[in-house]
């Protein structure tokens, strides 16, 4: 049995603007992590976080699905833990709702699950700041 970490945020911006921010490598680097992402199914890429003791900061990933401007999915492999990240966009009367679901945390991975929750909280706050910039 695995766990899924889910977060939802509403942004007062059009869906196309939020989509660009979550699906363009250079823009993702501003709010998420430096990367060599391309929105092409099957594309293998890396995110680069700050290295720490016992971790080189490299997150291996592979694009699983792209359905612009609604759905993006990719694998996320860090410290030997393989999970899947799914970002879903929905228009709202005042902008766009973004839901992030990271799934595949095993019962012995409570620390990884907590780390994902902490990380995505930080990343989504940074996304809000990026979207507010002119």
N, C-alpha and C. Protein backbone atom coordinates (compact mmCIF):
# COMPACT_ATOMS: atom_id res chain seq x y z
N UNK A 1 0.84 -1.18 0.00
CA UNK A 1 0.00 0.00 0.00
C UNK A 1 0.89 1.24 0.00
N UNK A 2 0.54 2.21 -0.84
CA UNK A 2 1.33 3.44 -0.92
C UNK A 2 0.47 4.64 -0.55
N UNK A 3 1.17 5.73 -0.24
CA UNK A 3 0.50 6.99 0.12
C UNK A 3 0.71 8.01 -0.99
N UNK A 4 -0.25 8.94 -1.07
CA UNK A 4 -0.17 10.05 -2.01
C UNK A 4 -0.27 11.36 -1.24
N UNK A 5 0.70 12.24 -1.49
CA UNK A 5 0.69 13.59 -0.93
C UNK A 5 -0.01 14.47 -1.96
N UNK A 6 -1.06 15.17 -1.53
CA UNK A 6 -1.82 16.03 -2.44
C UNK A 6 -1.93 17.43 -1.86
N UNK A 7 -1.71 18.42 -2.72
CA UNK A 7 -1.87 19.83 -2.35
C UNK A 7 -2.62 20.55 -3.46
N UNK A 8 -3.47 21.47 -3.06
CA UNK A 8 -4.22 22.26 -4.03
C UNK A 8 -4.03 23.73 -3.69
N UNK A 9 -3.78 24.52 -4.73
CA UNK A 9 -3.65 25.97 -4.58
C UNK A 9 -4.46 26.65 -5.68
N UNK A 10 -5.10 27.75 -5.32
CA UNK A 10 -5.78 28.59 -6.30
C UNK A 10 -4.92 29.81 -6.56
N UNK A 11 -4.73 30.11 -7.84
CA UNK A 11 -3.94 31.26 -8.26
C UNK A 11 -4.84 32.19 -9.08
N UNK A 12 -4.77 33.50 -8.82
CA UNK A 12 -5.63 34.44 -9.54
C UNK A 12 -5.06 34.81 -10.92
N UNK A 13 -4.72 33.80 -11.69
CA UNK A 13 -4.12 34.00 -13.01
C UNK A 13 -4.74 33.02 -13.99
N UNK A 14 -4.76 33.37 -15.28
CA UNK A 14 -5.34 32.48 -16.29
C UNK A 14 -4.60 31.14 -16.36
N UNK A 15 -5.32 30.13 -16.76
CA UNK A 15 -4.77 28.78 -16.84
C UNK A 15 -3.55 28.72 -17.74
N UNK A 16 -3.55 29.41 -18.86
CA UNK A 16 -2.39 29.38 -19.77
C UNK A 16 -1.13 29.93 -19.10
N UNK A 17 -1.29 30.95 -18.28
CA UNK A 17 -0.12 31.52 -17.58
C UNK A 17 0.45 30.53 -16.57
N UNK A 18 -0.42 29.88 -15.82
CA UNK A 18 0.04 28.89 -14.84
C UNK A 18 0.65 27.70 -15.58
N UNK A 19 0.03 27.28 -16.68
CA UNK A 19 0.56 26.17 -17.45
C UNK A 19 1.99 26.46 -17.91
N UNK A 20 2.22 27.66 -18.46
CA UNK A 20 3.58 28.01 -18.90
C UNK A 20 4.57 27.88 -17.75
N UNK A 21 4.18 28.32 -16.56
CA UNK A 21 5.08 28.29 -15.41
C UNK A 21 5.42 26.86 -14.97
N UNK A 22 4.48 25.93 -15.15
CA UNK A 22 4.73 24.55 -14.70
C UNK A 22 5.26 23.65 -15.81
N UNK A 23 5.34 24.15 -17.04
CA UNK A 23 5.73 23.28 -18.14
C UNK A 23 6.85 23.85 -19.02
N UNK A 24 7.48 24.92 -18.57
CA UNK A 24 8.61 25.51 -19.28
C UNK A 24 9.83 25.40 -18.38
N UNK A 25 10.85 24.70 -18.84
CA UNK A 25 12.02 24.42 -18.00
C UNK A 25 12.61 25.64 -17.32
N UNK A 26 12.82 26.72 -18.07
CA UNK A 26 13.42 27.92 -17.49
C UNK A 26 12.53 28.54 -16.42
N UNK A 27 11.23 28.52 -16.63
CA UNK A 27 10.31 29.06 -15.62
C UNK A 27 10.22 28.13 -14.42
N UNK A 28 10.25 26.81 -14.65
CA UNK A 28 10.25 25.85 -13.55
C UNK A 28 11.48 26.03 -12.67
N UNK A 29 12.60 26.40 -13.28
CA UNK A 29 13.84 26.59 -12.52
C UNK A 29 13.69 27.73 -11.52
N UNK A 30 12.85 28.70 -11.84
CA UNK A 30 12.65 29.84 -10.94
C UNK A 30 11.87 29.48 -9.68
N UNK A 31 10.92 28.57 -9.78
CA UNK A 31 10.09 28.26 -8.62
C UNK A 31 10.28 26.85 -8.08
N UNK A 32 10.74 25.94 -8.93
CA UNK A 32 10.91 24.55 -8.49
C UNK A 32 12.39 24.27 -8.30
N UNK A 33 13.07 23.82 -9.32
CA UNK A 33 14.50 23.52 -9.24
C UNK A 33 15.11 23.66 -10.63
N UNK A 34 16.40 23.97 -10.72
CA UNK A 34 17.06 23.96 -12.02
C UNK A 34 16.87 22.58 -12.67
N UNK A 35 16.73 22.58 -14.01
CA UNK A 35 16.35 21.35 -14.69
C UNK A 35 16.68 21.43 -16.17
N UNK A 36 16.52 20.30 -16.84
CA UNK A 36 16.60 20.25 -18.30
C UNK A 36 15.30 19.65 -18.86
N UNK A 37 14.20 20.08 -18.28
CA UNK A 37 12.86 19.60 -18.61
C UNK A 37 12.45 20.03 -20.02
N UNK A 38 11.72 19.16 -20.69
CA UNK A 38 11.02 19.47 -21.92
C UNK A 38 9.67 18.77 -21.85
N UNK A 39 8.58 19.45 -22.22
CA UNK A 39 7.25 18.85 -22.09
C UNK A 39 6.94 17.85 -23.21
N UNK A 40 7.73 16.79 -23.25
CA UNK A 40 7.61 15.76 -24.28
C UNK A 40 7.53 14.40 -23.59
N UNK A 41 6.44 13.66 -23.77
CA UNK A 41 6.36 12.35 -23.15
C UNK A 41 7.58 11.49 -23.49
N UNK A 42 8.13 10.85 -22.47
CA UNK A 42 9.32 10.02 -22.63
C UNK A 42 10.62 10.75 -22.40
N UNK A 43 10.59 12.08 -22.32
CA UNK A 43 11.82 12.85 -22.12
C UNK A 43 12.36 12.62 -20.70
N UNK A 44 13.60 12.13 -20.62
CA UNK A 44 14.28 11.96 -19.33
C UNK A 44 15.00 13.25 -19.00
N UNK A 45 14.88 13.69 -17.74
CA UNK A 45 15.50 14.95 -17.33
C UNK A 45 15.90 14.87 -15.87
N UNK A 46 16.59 15.89 -15.41
CA UNK A 46 16.98 15.95 -14.01
C UNK A 46 16.60 17.29 -13.41
N UNK A 47 16.27 17.24 -12.13
CA UNK A 47 16.18 18.44 -11.30
C UNK A 47 17.46 18.45 -10.47
N UNK A 48 17.95 19.63 -10.16
CA UNK A 48 19.18 19.74 -9.37
C UNK A 48 18.92 20.59 -8.13
N UNK A 49 18.94 19.92 -7.00
CA UNK A 49 18.78 20.60 -5.72
C UNK A 49 20.17 20.78 -5.10
N UNK A 50 20.22 21.51 -4.01
CA UNK A 50 21.48 21.68 -3.30
C UNK A 50 21.89 20.33 -2.70
N UNK A 51 23.13 19.94 -2.96
CA UNK A 51 23.63 18.68 -2.42
C UNK A 51 23.70 18.76 -0.89
N UNK A 52 23.53 17.61 -0.27
CA UNK A 52 23.58 17.48 1.19
C UNK A 52 24.43 16.27 1.53
N UNK A 53 24.82 16.14 2.80
CA UNK A 53 25.48 14.89 3.17
C UNK A 53 24.56 13.71 2.83
N UNK A 54 25.09 12.70 2.23
CA UNK A 54 24.35 11.50 1.85
C UNK A 54 23.40 11.69 0.66
N UNK A 55 23.48 12.84 -0.05
CA UNK A 55 22.64 13.03 -1.24
C UNK A 55 23.30 14.05 -2.16
N UNK A 56 23.41 13.69 -3.43
CA UNK A 56 24.07 14.56 -4.40
C UNK A 56 23.17 15.68 -4.93
N UNK A 57 21.90 15.70 -4.54
CA UNK A 57 20.97 16.75 -4.98
C UNK A 57 20.34 16.49 -6.33
N UNK A 58 20.61 15.35 -6.92
CA UNK A 58 20.07 15.04 -8.25
C UNK A 58 18.75 14.28 -8.11
N UNK A 59 17.75 14.76 -8.81
CA UNK A 59 16.45 14.08 -8.90
C UNK A 59 16.29 13.66 -10.36
N UNK A 60 16.23 12.38 -10.59
CA UNK A 60 16.02 11.86 -11.94
C UNK A 60 14.52 11.86 -12.21
N UNK A 61 14.16 12.18 -13.44
CA UNK A 61 12.75 12.25 -13.79
C UNK A 61 12.53 11.86 -15.24
N UNK A 62 11.28 11.54 -15.53
CA UNK A 62 10.90 11.22 -16.91
C UNK A 62 9.46 11.66 -17.11
N UNK A 63 9.22 12.38 -18.20
CA UNK A 63 7.87 12.86 -18.50
C UNK A 63 7.00 11.67 -18.88
N UNK A 64 5.88 11.54 -18.18
CA UNK A 64 4.93 10.46 -18.44
C UNK A 64 3.77 10.90 -19.32
N UNK A 65 3.27 12.13 -19.10
CA UNK A 65 2.10 12.60 -19.84
C UNK A 65 2.08 14.12 -19.89
N UNK A 66 1.63 14.64 -21.02
CA UNK A 66 1.44 16.08 -21.20
C UNK A 66 0.11 16.27 -21.91
N UNK A 67 -0.79 17.02 -21.30
CA UNK A 67 -2.07 17.36 -21.91
C UNK A 67 -2.29 18.86 -21.65
N UNK A 68 -1.64 19.67 -22.49
CA UNK A 68 -1.68 21.13 -22.30
C UNK A 68 -3.10 21.64 -22.51
N UNK A 69 -3.54 22.58 -21.73
CA UNK A 69 -2.94 23.16 -20.52
C UNK A 69 -3.56 22.62 -19.25
N UNK A 70 -3.75 21.31 -19.18
CA UNK A 70 -4.48 20.74 -18.05
C UNK A 70 -3.71 19.76 -17.19
N UNK A 71 -2.77 19.02 -17.76
CA UNK A 71 -2.24 17.86 -17.04
C UNK A 71 -0.78 17.62 -17.43
N UNK A 72 0.06 17.44 -16.41
CA UNK A 72 1.46 17.11 -16.61
C UNK A 72 1.84 16.06 -15.57
N UNK A 73 2.51 15.00 -16.00
CA UNK A 73 2.92 13.95 -15.08
C UNK A 73 4.35 13.53 -15.38
N UNK A 74 5.12 13.28 -14.31
CA UNK A 74 6.49 12.80 -14.48
C UNK A 74 6.89 11.98 -13.26
N UNK A 75 7.89 11.12 -13.48
CA UNK A 75 8.45 10.38 -12.36
C UNK A 75 9.38 11.31 -11.59
N UNK A 76 9.66 10.93 -10.35
CA UNK A 76 10.54 11.71 -9.46
C UNK A 76 11.32 10.67 -8.66
N UNK A 77 12.61 10.56 -8.94
CA UNK A 77 13.43 9.55 -8.28
C UNK A 77 14.53 10.25 -7.50
N UNK A 78 14.45 10.17 -6.17
CA UNK A 78 15.44 10.79 -5.30
C UNK A 78 15.74 9.83 -4.15
N UNK A 79 17.01 9.68 -3.85
CA UNK A 79 17.44 8.81 -2.76
C UNK A 79 16.89 7.40 -2.90
N UNK A 80 16.76 6.95 -4.14
CA UNK A 80 16.27 5.60 -4.39
C UNK A 80 14.78 5.42 -4.28
N UNK A 81 14.05 6.48 -3.98
CA UNK A 81 12.60 6.42 -3.85
C UNK A 81 11.98 6.88 -5.17
N UNK A 82 11.16 6.03 -5.76
CA UNK A 82 10.52 6.34 -7.03
C UNK A 82 9.07 6.73 -6.76
N UNK A 83 8.72 7.96 -7.16
CA UNK A 83 7.34 8.43 -7.02
C UNK A 83 6.91 9.03 -8.35
N UNK A 84 5.64 9.37 -8.42
CA UNK A 84 5.08 10.02 -9.60
C UNK A 84 4.44 11.33 -9.18
N UNK A 85 4.75 12.39 -9.92
CA UNK A 85 4.18 13.71 -9.68
C UNK A 85 3.18 14.00 -10.79
N UNK A 86 1.97 14.39 -10.40
CA UNK A 86 0.93 14.76 -11.35
C UNK A 86 0.46 16.16 -10.99
N UNK A 87 0.53 17.06 -11.96
CA UNK A 87 0.05 18.42 -11.79
C UNK A 87 -1.17 18.59 -12.67
N UNK A 88 -2.28 19.03 -12.07
CA UNK A 88 -3.53 19.19 -12.79
C UNK A 88 -4.02 20.62 -12.62
N UNK A 89 -4.40 21.23 -13.74
CA UNK A 89 -4.91 22.60 -13.73
C UNK A 89 -6.39 22.60 -14.10
N UNK A 90 -7.16 23.43 -13.37
CA UNK A 90 -8.58 23.60 -13.67
C UNK A 90 -8.89 25.09 -13.60
N UNK A 91 -9.66 25.60 -14.57
CA UNK A 91 -10.05 27.01 -14.46
C UNK A 91 -11.05 27.18 -13.32
N UNK A 92 -10.97 28.33 -12.67
CA UNK A 92 -11.93 28.70 -11.63
C UNK A 92 -12.51 30.06 -12.02
N UNK A 93 -13.57 30.50 -11.36
CA UNK A 93 -14.12 31.82 -11.69
C UNK A 93 -13.12 32.97 -11.48
N UNK A 94 -12.13 32.74 -10.61
CA UNK A 94 -11.17 33.81 -10.33
C UNK A 94 -9.76 33.51 -10.82
N UNK A 95 -9.55 32.42 -11.55
CA UNK A 95 -8.21 32.10 -12.02
C UNK A 95 -8.04 30.63 -12.31
N UNK A 96 -7.08 30.00 -11.62
CA UNK A 96 -6.73 28.61 -11.89
C UNK A 96 -6.46 27.85 -10.60
N UNK A 97 -6.96 26.64 -10.54
CA UNK A 97 -6.66 25.74 -9.42
C UNK A 97 -5.60 24.74 -9.88
N UNK A 98 -4.52 24.67 -9.12
CA UNK A 98 -3.45 23.71 -9.38
C UNK A 98 -3.47 22.67 -8.28
N UNK A 99 -3.55 21.41 -8.68
CA UNK A 99 -3.45 20.31 -7.74
C UNK A 99 -2.17 19.54 -8.06
N UNK A 100 -1.37 19.32 -7.04
CA UNK A 100 -0.15 18.54 -7.16
C UNK A 100 -0.36 17.27 -6.34
N UNK A 101 -0.15 16.12 -6.97
CA UNK A 101 -0.24 14.85 -6.27
C UNK A 101 1.07 14.11 -6.52
N UNK A 102 1.74 13.74 -5.44
CA UNK A 102 2.96 12.93 -5.55
C UNK A 102 2.64 11.60 -4.90
N UNK A 103 2.67 10.54 -5.70
CA UNK A 103 2.23 9.23 -5.22
C UNK A 103 3.36 8.21 -5.26
N UNK A 104 3.16 7.15 -4.48
CA UNK A 104 4.10 6.04 -4.48
C UNK A 104 4.94 5.92 -3.22
N UNK A 105 4.61 6.65 -2.17
CA UNK A 105 5.36 6.55 -0.92
C UNK A 105 4.94 5.29 -0.17
N UNK A 106 5.89 4.42 0.07
CA UNK A 106 5.62 3.18 0.79
C UNK A 106 5.41 3.42 2.27
N UNK A 107 4.92 2.40 2.99
CA UNK A 107 4.65 2.54 4.41
C UNK A 107 5.89 2.84 5.24
N UNK A 108 7.06 2.51 4.72
CA UNK A 108 8.31 2.77 5.44
C UNK A 108 8.96 4.09 5.03
N UNK A 109 8.20 4.93 4.32
CA UNK A 109 8.77 6.18 3.79
C UNK A 109 8.08 7.42 4.35
N UNK A 110 7.75 7.41 5.61
CA UNK A 110 7.09 8.55 6.23
C UNK A 110 7.94 9.81 6.14
N UNK A 111 9.25 9.66 6.27
CA UNK A 111 10.14 10.81 6.20
C UNK A 111 10.14 11.40 4.78
N UNK A 112 10.13 10.55 3.77
CA UNK A 112 10.07 11.03 2.39
C UNK A 112 8.75 11.74 2.11
N UNK A 113 7.65 11.17 2.62
CA UNK A 113 6.33 11.77 2.46
C UNK A 113 6.31 13.16 3.11
N UNK A 114 6.81 13.26 4.33
CA UNK A 114 6.85 14.54 5.03
C UNK A 114 7.75 15.53 4.29
N UNK A 115 8.86 15.04 3.75
CA UNK A 115 9.75 15.91 2.98
C UNK A 115 9.08 16.43 1.72
N UNK A 116 8.30 15.58 1.06
CA UNK A 116 7.56 16.02 -0.13
C UNK A 116 6.54 17.09 0.23
N UNK A 117 5.82 16.88 1.33
CA UNK A 117 4.82 17.88 1.76
C UNK A 117 5.51 19.21 2.06
N UNK A 118 6.61 19.17 2.77
CA UNK A 118 7.36 20.39 3.08
C UNK A 118 7.87 21.04 1.79
N UNK A 119 8.47 20.24 0.91
CA UNK A 119 9.03 20.78 -0.32
C UNK A 119 7.98 21.41 -1.22
N UNK A 120 6.87 20.71 -1.44
CA UNK A 120 5.83 21.27 -2.32
C UNK A 120 5.19 22.52 -1.73
N UNK A 121 5.07 22.60 -0.41
CA UNK A 121 4.56 23.83 0.20
C UNK A 121 5.47 25.00 -0.19
N UNK A 122 6.75 24.80 -0.04
CA UNK A 122 7.73 25.83 -0.39
C UNK A 122 7.69 26.14 -1.90
N UNK A 123 7.68 25.10 -2.73
CA UNK A 123 7.67 25.31 -4.18
C UNK A 123 6.43 26.06 -4.63
N UNK A 124 5.26 25.70 -4.11
CA UNK A 124 4.03 26.37 -4.54
C UNK A 124 3.96 27.80 -4.06
N UNK A 125 4.56 28.10 -2.92
CA UNK A 125 4.68 29.50 -2.49
C UNK A 125 5.55 30.28 -3.47
N UNK A 126 6.64 29.66 -3.90
CA UNK A 126 7.53 30.32 -4.87
C UNK A 126 6.85 30.48 -6.22
N UNK A 127 6.01 29.52 -6.60
CA UNK A 127 5.25 29.64 -7.85
C UNK A 127 4.33 30.85 -7.76
N UNK A 128 3.66 31.05 -6.64
CA UNK A 128 2.78 32.22 -6.47
C UNK A 128 3.57 33.51 -6.68
N UNK A 129 4.76 33.57 -6.10
CA UNK A 129 5.61 34.75 -6.25
C UNK A 129 6.00 34.95 -7.70
N UNK A 130 6.37 33.89 -8.38
CA UNK A 130 6.74 34.00 -9.79
C UNK A 130 5.56 34.48 -10.63
N UNK A 131 4.38 33.94 -10.40
CA UNK A 131 3.21 34.33 -11.18
C UNK A 131 2.85 35.80 -10.96
N UNK A 132 3.13 36.32 -9.78
CA UNK A 132 2.83 37.72 -9.49
C UNK A 132 3.78 38.70 -10.15
N UNK A 133 4.95 38.22 -10.54
CA UNK A 133 5.95 39.09 -11.18
C UNK A 133 5.45 39.49 -12.57
N UNK A 134 5.76 40.70 -12.98
CA UNK A 134 5.31 41.16 -14.31
C UNK A 134 5.94 40.37 -15.44
